Amino acid sequence: MVFAECYGRNVTSSIEQANIRQNLDVLYACGLTEIVHNGSLMVDDLEDKSLLRRGQPCTYIKYGEDYAVNAGTFMYYAPICRIDKFISDPTVQRDIIRVYNSELMNLHFGQNWDIHWHNGNIMPTEDQYLQMVINKTSVLPRLCLSMISIIVGVNPK
């Protein structure tokens, strides 16, 4: 939201005044990112056999592996399927979906490298590890900033 404010959107003020309609598109981008993030954590916890997430047993421990995979995967798709409820411009929708698909593929490529190294007991090189971070850890902040850039009409590059 701060990024949108840097480019002239008064998001904080509209929230404080309970007039969020004028910034639904920015709030959608932020919410979509958070939903995908939580879904990816569910799946990642299972793949890594983590025990705790935010001080509680991981989803797959509480509810089962099948529920965790299904719920986590659903969280990748559900928010983008509702894009038309928050963004009316078809060109903006198209550009966001393009960026979304590209970044979600990056997320899965990065996660696959992480799984490969973990399961194969392989130590990646520094360059390989940094590329994994670019394709896994930094995907969601980059996705959010890219979507907000499209929404406010700026080129982030």
Foldseek 3Di string as FASTA:
>chain_A
DVLLVVLPDPQVVCVVVVNNLVPLQLVLLVVLLVLLVVLVVLVLCVLVVPQDDPRHGRPCVVPNPVVSNVSSVVSLPVSLVCNCVRDPDPVLNVQLVVLSVVLVVLQVVLVVVVSCCVVVVHDDDPVNNVSSCVSHVCSSVVSSSSSSCSVSVHDPD
